[in-house]
Amino acid sequence: MTGETICVIGLRYENIRKLAWRLIEKKINENIRKLAWRLRQERREGNRADRAGPVR
């Protein structure tokens, strides 16, 4: 293998790693958003229950 080939493979590997990382980050962010939303919903339900007494 020449140095050039190694360089090209290295660059491609970097790009794949960046893409993979971006996808992973996106997935993590989605999960966090879903969790946060669910927590907010539960808190809202809880607050409503506290104020209104018995839950419908």
PDB file of N, CA and C in Angstrom:
ATOM      1  N   MET A   1       0.832  -1.204   0.000  1.00  0.00           N
ATOM      2  CA  MET A   1       0.000   0.000   0.000  1.00  0.00           C
ATOM      3  C   MET A   1       0.861   1.247   0.000  1.00  0.00           C
ATOM      4  N   THR A   2       0.512   2.180  -0.830  1.00  0.00           N
ATOM      5  CA  THR A   2       1.249   3.444  -0.830  1.00  0.00           C
ATOM      6  C   THR A   2       0.664   4.372   0.227  1.00  0.00           C
ATOM      7  N   GLY A   3       1.446   5.373   0.582  1.00  0.00           N
ATOM      8  CA  GLY A   3       0.985   6.331   1.584  1.00  0.00           C
ATOM      9  C   GLY A   3      -0.303   7.008   1.162  1.00  0.00           C
ATOM     10  N   GLU A   4      -0.420   7.248  -0.151  1.00  0.00           N
ATOM     11  CA  GLU A   4      -1.591   7.944  -0.667  1.00  0.00           C
ATOM     12  C   GLU A   4      -2.863   7.130  -0.384  1.00  0.00           C
ATOM     13  N   THR A   5      -2.789   5.829  -0.687  1.00  0.00           N
ATOM     14  CA  THR A   5      -3.952   4.959  -0.469  1.00  0.00           C
ATOM     15  C   THR A   5      -4.350   4.977   1.001  1.00  0.00           C
ATOM     16  N   ILE A   6      -3.366   4.858   1.876  1.00  0.00           N
ATOM     17  CA  ILE A   6      -3.638   4.866   3.316  1.00  0.00           C
ATOM     18  C   ILE A   6      -4.319   6.179   3.701  1.00  0.00           C
ATOM     19  N   CYS A   7      -3.816   7.260   3.129  1.00  0.00           N
ATOM     20  CA  CYS A   7      -4.378   8.582   3.408  1.00  0.00           C
ATOM     21  C   CYS A   7      -5.850   8.629   2.998  1.00  0.00           C
ATOM     22  N   VAL A   8      -6.149   8.143   1.799  1.00  0.00           N
ATOM     23  CA  VAL A   8      -7.525   8.167   1.290  1.00  0.00           C
ATOM     24  C   VAL A   8      -8.425   7.326   2.189  1.00  0.00           C
ATOM     25  N   ILE A   9      -7.939   6.126   2.542  1.00  0.00           N
ATOM     26  CA  ILE A   9      -8.737   5.251   3.412  1.00  0.00           C
ATOM     27  C   ILE A   9      -8.957   5.940   4.759  1.00  0.00           C
ATOM     28  N   GLY A  10      -7.915   6.576   5.276  1.00  0.00           N
ATOM     29  CA  GLY A  10      -8.020   7.287   6.553  1.00  0.00           C
ATOM     30  C   GLY A  10      -9.082   8.372   6.492  1.00  0.00           C
ATOM     31  N   LEU A  11      -9.075   9.139   5.393  1.00  0.00           N
ATOM     32  CA  LEU A  11     -10.055  10.216   5.237  1.00  0.00           C
ATOM     33  C   LEU A  11     -11.467   9.651   5.186  1.00  0.00           C
ATOM     34  N   ARG A  12     -11.613   8.580   4.402  1.00  0.00           N
ATOM     35  CA  ARG A  12     -12.940   7.975   4.279  1.00  0.00           C
ATOM     36  C   ARG A  12     -13.411   7.499   5.654  1.00  0.00           C
ATOM     37  N   TYR A  13     -12.495   6.888   6.403  1.00  0.00           N
ATOM     38  CA  TYR A  13     -12.824   6.389   7.736  1.00  0.00           C
ATOM     39  C   TYR A  13     -13.269   7.535   8.633  1.00  0.00           C
ATOM     40  N   GLU A  14     -12.542   8.652   8.567  1.00  0.00           N
ATOM     41  CA  GLU A  14     -12.916   9.833   9.347  1.00  0.00           C
ATOM     42  C   GLU A  14     -14.342  10.267   9.023  1.00  0.00           C
ATOM     43  N   ASN A  15     -14.646  10.338   7.722  1.00  0.00           N
ATOM     44  CA  ASN A  15     -15.976  10.783   7.294  1.00  0.00           C
ATOM     45  C   ASN A  15     -17.045   9.836   7.818  1.00  0.00           C
ATOM     46  N   ILE A  16     -16.769   8.526   7.709  1.00  0.00           N
ATOM     47  CA  ILE A  16     -17.750   7.539   8.200  1.00  0.00           C
ATOM     48  C   ILE A  16     -17.945   7.725   9.694  1.00  0.00           C
ATOM     49  N   ARG A  17     -16.827   7.935  10.412  1.00  0.00           N
ATOM     50  CA  ARG A  17     -16.932   8.099  11.860  1.00  0.00           C
ATOM     51  C   ARG A  17     -17.752   9.335  12.198  1.00  0.00           C
ATOM     52  N   LYS A  18     -17.505  10.432  11.472  1.00  0.00           N
ATOM     53  CA  LYS A  18     -18.262  11.663  11.727  1.00  0.00           C
ATOM     54  C   LYS A  18     -19.745  11.443  11.462  1.00  0.00           C
ATOM     55  N   LEU A  19     -20.046  10.764  10.346  1.00  0.00           N
ATOM     56  CA  LEU A  19     -21.445  10.501   9.999  1.00  0.00           C
ATOM     57  C   LEU A  19     -22.100   9.651  11.077  1.00  0.00           C
ATOM     58  N   ALA A  20     -21.407   8.592  11.478  1.00  0.00           N
ATOM     59  CA  ALA A  20     -21.949   7.696  12.502  1.00  0.00           C
ATOM     60  C   ALA A  20     -22.202   8.480  13.783  1.00  0.00           C
ATOM     61  N   TRP A  21     -21.221   9.310  14.171  1.00  0.00           N
ATOM     62  CA  TRP A  21     -21.345  10.097  15.389  1.00  0.00           C
ATOM     63  C   TRP A  21     -22.545  11.034  15.311  1.00  0.00           C
ATOM     64  N   ARG A  22     -22.728  11.659  14.110  1.00  0.00           N
ATOM     65  CA  ARG A  22     -23.846  12.578  13.941  1.00  0.00           C
ATOM     66  C   ARG A  22     -25.165  11.822  14.115  1.00  0.00           C
ATOM     67  N   LEU A  23     -25.232  10.630  13.516  1.00  0.00           N
ATOM     68  CA  LEU A  23     -26.458   9.830  13.624  1.00  0.00           C
ATOM     69  C   LEU A  23     -26.719   9.464  15.076  1.00  0.00           C
ATOM     70  N   ILE A  24     -25.659   9.046  15.772  1.00  0.00           N
ATOM     71  CA  ILE A  24     -25.806   8.664  17.182  1.00  0.00           C
ATOM     72  C   ILE A  24     -26.283   9.860  17.995  1.00  0.00           C
ATOM     73  N   GLU A  25     -25.646  11.019  17.778  1.00  0.00           N
ATOM     74  CA  GLU A  25     -26.048  12.225  18.511  1.00  0.00           C
ATOM     75  C   GLU A  25     -27.511  12.553  18.255  1.00  0.00           C
ATOM     76  N   LYS A  26     -27.919  12.437  16.979  1.00  0.00           N
ATOM     77  CA  LYS A  26     -29.295  12.738  16.616  1.00  0.00           C
ATOM     78  C   LYS A  26     -30.248  11.827  17.389  1.00  0.00           C
ATOM     79  N   LYS A  27     -29.894  10.521  17.427  1.00  0.00           N
ATOM     80  CA  LYS A  27     -30.722   9.534  18.115  1.00  0.00           C
ATOM     81  C   LYS A  27     -30.809   9.880  19.600  1.00  0.00           C
ATOM     82  N   ILE A  28     -29.654  10.180  20.195  1.00  0.00           N
ATOM     83  CA  ILE A  28     -29.620  10.516  21.626  1.00  0.00           C
ATOM     84  C   ILE A  28     -30.489  11.735  21.895  1.00  0.00           C
ATOM     85  N   ASN A  29     -30.334  12.764  21.051  1.00  0.00           N
ATOM     86  CA  ASN A  29     -31.115  13.988  21.236  1.00  0.00           C
ATOM     87  C   ASN A  29     -32.611  13.702  21.135  1.00  0.00           C
ATOM     88  N   GLU A  30     -32.987  12.843  20.176  1.00  0.00           N
ATOM     89  CA  GLU A  30     -34.401  12.487  20.034  1.00  0.00           C
ATOM     90  C   GLU A  30     -34.904  11.828  21.310  1.00  0.00           C
ATOM     91  N   ASN A  31     -34.111  10.868  21.837  1.00  0.00           N
ATOM     92  CA  ASN A  31     -34.525  10.168  23.055  1.00  0.00           C
ATOM     93  C   ASN A  31     -34.657  11.124  24.220  1.00  0.00           C
ATOM     94  N   ILE A  32     -33.702  12.046  24.334  1.00  0.00           N
ATOM     95  CA  ILE A  32     -33.752  13.030  25.425  1.00  0.00           C
ATOM     96  C   ILE A  32     -34.999  13.883  25.289  1.00  0.00           C
ATOM     97  N   ARG A  33     -35.294  14.311  24.042  1.00  0.00           N
ATOM     98  CA  ARG A  33     -36.463  15.160  23.822  1.00  0.00           C
ATOM     99  C   ARG A  33     -37.727  14.403  24.211  1.00  0.00           C
ATOM    100  N   LYS A  34     -37.806  13.120  23.799  1.00  0.00           N
ATOM    101  CA  LYS A  34     -38.993  12.314  24.136  1.00  0.00           C
ATOM    102  C   LYS A  34     -39.140  12.182  25.639  1.00  0.00           C
ATOM    103  N   LEU A  35     -38.009  11.899  26.322  1.00  0.00           N
ATOM    104  CA  LEU A  35     -38.043  11.748  27.770  1.00  0.00           C
ATOM    105  C   LEU A  35     -38.494  13.041  28.432  1.00  0.00           C
ATOM    106  N   ALA A  36     -37.898  14.148  27.994  1.00  0.00           N
ATOM    107  CA  ALA A  36     -38.233  15.453  28.574  1.00  0.00           C
ATOM    108  C   ALA A  36     -39.720  15.732  28.378  1.00  0.00           C
ATOM    109  N   TRP A  37     -40.216  15.444  27.171  1.00  0.00           N
ATOM    110  CA  TRP A  37     -41.616  15.692  26.868  1.00  0.00           C
ATOM    111  C   TRP A  37     -42.504  14.848  27.775  1.00  0.00           C
ATOM    112  N   ARG A  38     -42.133  13.566  27.936  1.00  0.00           N
ATOM    113  CA  ARG A  38     -42.932  12.667  28.771  1.00  0.00           C
ATOM    114  C   ARG A  38     -42.935  13.159  30.215  1.00  0.00           C
ATOM    115  N   LEU A  39     -41.757  13.595  30.695  1.00  0.00           N
ATOM    116  CA  LEU A  39     -41.674  14.111  32.059  1.00  0.00           C
ATOM    117  C   LEU A  39     -42.566  15.335  32.218  1.00  0.00           C
ATOM    118  N   ARG A  40     -42.499  16.240  31.224  1.00  0.00           N
ATOM    119  CA  ARG A  40     -43.346  17.435  31.273  1.00  0.00           C
ATOM    120  C   ARG A  40     -44.808  17.054  31.320  1.00  0.00           C
ATOM    121  N   GLN A  41     -45.199  16.106  30.463  1.00  0.00           N
ATOM    122  CA  GLN A  41     -46.599  15.673  30.419  1.00  0.00           C
ATOM    123  C   GLN A  41     -47.019  15.116  31.782  1.00  0.00           C
ATOM    124  N   GLU A  42     -46.165  14.247  32.357  1.00  0.00           N
ATOM    125  CA  GLU A  42     -46.490  13.649  33.647  1.00  0.00           C
ATOM    126  C   GLU A  42     -46.613  14.720  34.718  1.00  0.00           C
ATOM    127  N   ARG A  43     -45.682  15.680  34.694  1.00  0.00           N
ATOM    128  CA  ARG A  43     -45.716  16.746  35.690  1.00  0.00           C
ATOM    129  C   ARG A  43     -47.001  17.545  35.533  1.00  0.00           C
ATOM    130  N   ARG A  44     -47.366  17.811  34.269  1.00  0.00           N
ATOM    131  CA  ARG A  44     -48.582  18.569  34.003  1.00  0.00           C
ATOM    132  C   ARG A  44     -49.786  17.800  34.539  1.00  0.00           C
ATOM    133  N   GLU A  45     -49.827  16.498  34.228  1.00  0.00           N
ATOM    134  CA  GLU A  45     -50.930  15.664  34.721  1.00  0.00           C
ATOM    135  C   GLU A  45     -50.958  15.685  36.247  1.00  0.00           C
ATOM    136  N   GLY A  46     -49.771  15.556  36.855  1.00  0.00           N
ATOM    137  CA  GLY A  46     -49.675  15.546  38.311  1.00  0.00           C
ATOM    138  C   GLY A  46     -50.194  16.841  38.903  1.00  0.00           C
ATOM    139  N   ASN A  47     -49.779  17.963  38.327  1.00  0.00           N
ATOM    140  CA  ASN A  47     -50.220  19.267  38.825  1.00  0.00           C
ATOM    141  C   ASN A  47     -51.730  19.397  38.702  1.00  0.00           C
ATOM    142  N   ARG A  48     -52.258  18.967  37.569  1.00  0.00           N
ATOM    143  CA  ARG A  48     -53.691  19.058  37.349  1.00  0.00           C
ATOM    144  C   ARG A  48     -54.418  18.212  38.400  1.00  0.00           C
ATOM    145  N   ALA A  49     -53.878  17.029  38.661  1.00  0.00           N
ATOM    146  CA  ALA A  49     -54.495  16.126  39.636  1.00  0.00           C
ATOM    147  C   ALA A  49     -54.467  16.768  41.023  1.00  0.00           C
ATOM    148  N   ASP A  50     -53.337  17.400  41.358  1.00  0.00           N
ATOM    149  CA  ASP A  50     -53.219  18.041  42.666  1.00  0.00           C
ATOM    150  C   ASP A  50     -54.266  19.133  42.836  1.00  0.00           C
ATOM    151  N   ARG A  51     -54.480  19.903  41.783  1.00  0.00           N
ATOM    152  CA  ARG A  51     -55.418  21.020  41.879  1.00  0.00           C
ATOM    153  C   ARG A  51     -56.867  20.555  41.844  1.00  0.00           C
ATOM    154  N   ALA A  52     -57.147  19.623  40.919  1.00  0.00           N
ATOM    155  CA  ALA A  52     -58.541  19.293  40.644  1.00  0.00           C
ATOM    156  C   ALA A  52     -59.072  18.181  41.543  1.00  0.00           C
ATOM    157  N   GLY A  53     -58.187  17.578  42.356  1.00  0.00           N
ATOM    158  CA  GLY A  53     -58.648  16.484  43.199  1.00  0.00           C
ATOM    159  C   GLY A  53     -58.608  15.182  42.430  1.00  0.00           C
ATOM    160  N   PRO A  54     -59.714  14.417  42.407  1.00  0.00           N
ATOM    161  CA  PRO A  54     -59.711  13.117  41.735  1.00  0.00           C
ATOM    162  C   PRO A  54     -59.456  13.244  40.237  1.00  0.00           C
ATOM    163  N   VAL A  55     -58.697  12.280  39.708  1.00  0.00           N
ATOM    164  CA  VAL A  55     -58.359  12.304  38.282  1.00  0.00           C
ATOM    165  C   VAL A  55     -59.513  11.720  37.499  1.00  0.00           C
ATOM    166  N   ARG A  56     -59.805  12.336  36.347  1.00  0.00           N
ATOM    167  CA  ARG A  56     -60.875  11.844  35.487  1.00  0.00           C
ATOM    168  C   ARG A  56     -60.599  10.422  35.045  1.00  0.00           C
TER     169      ARG A  56
END
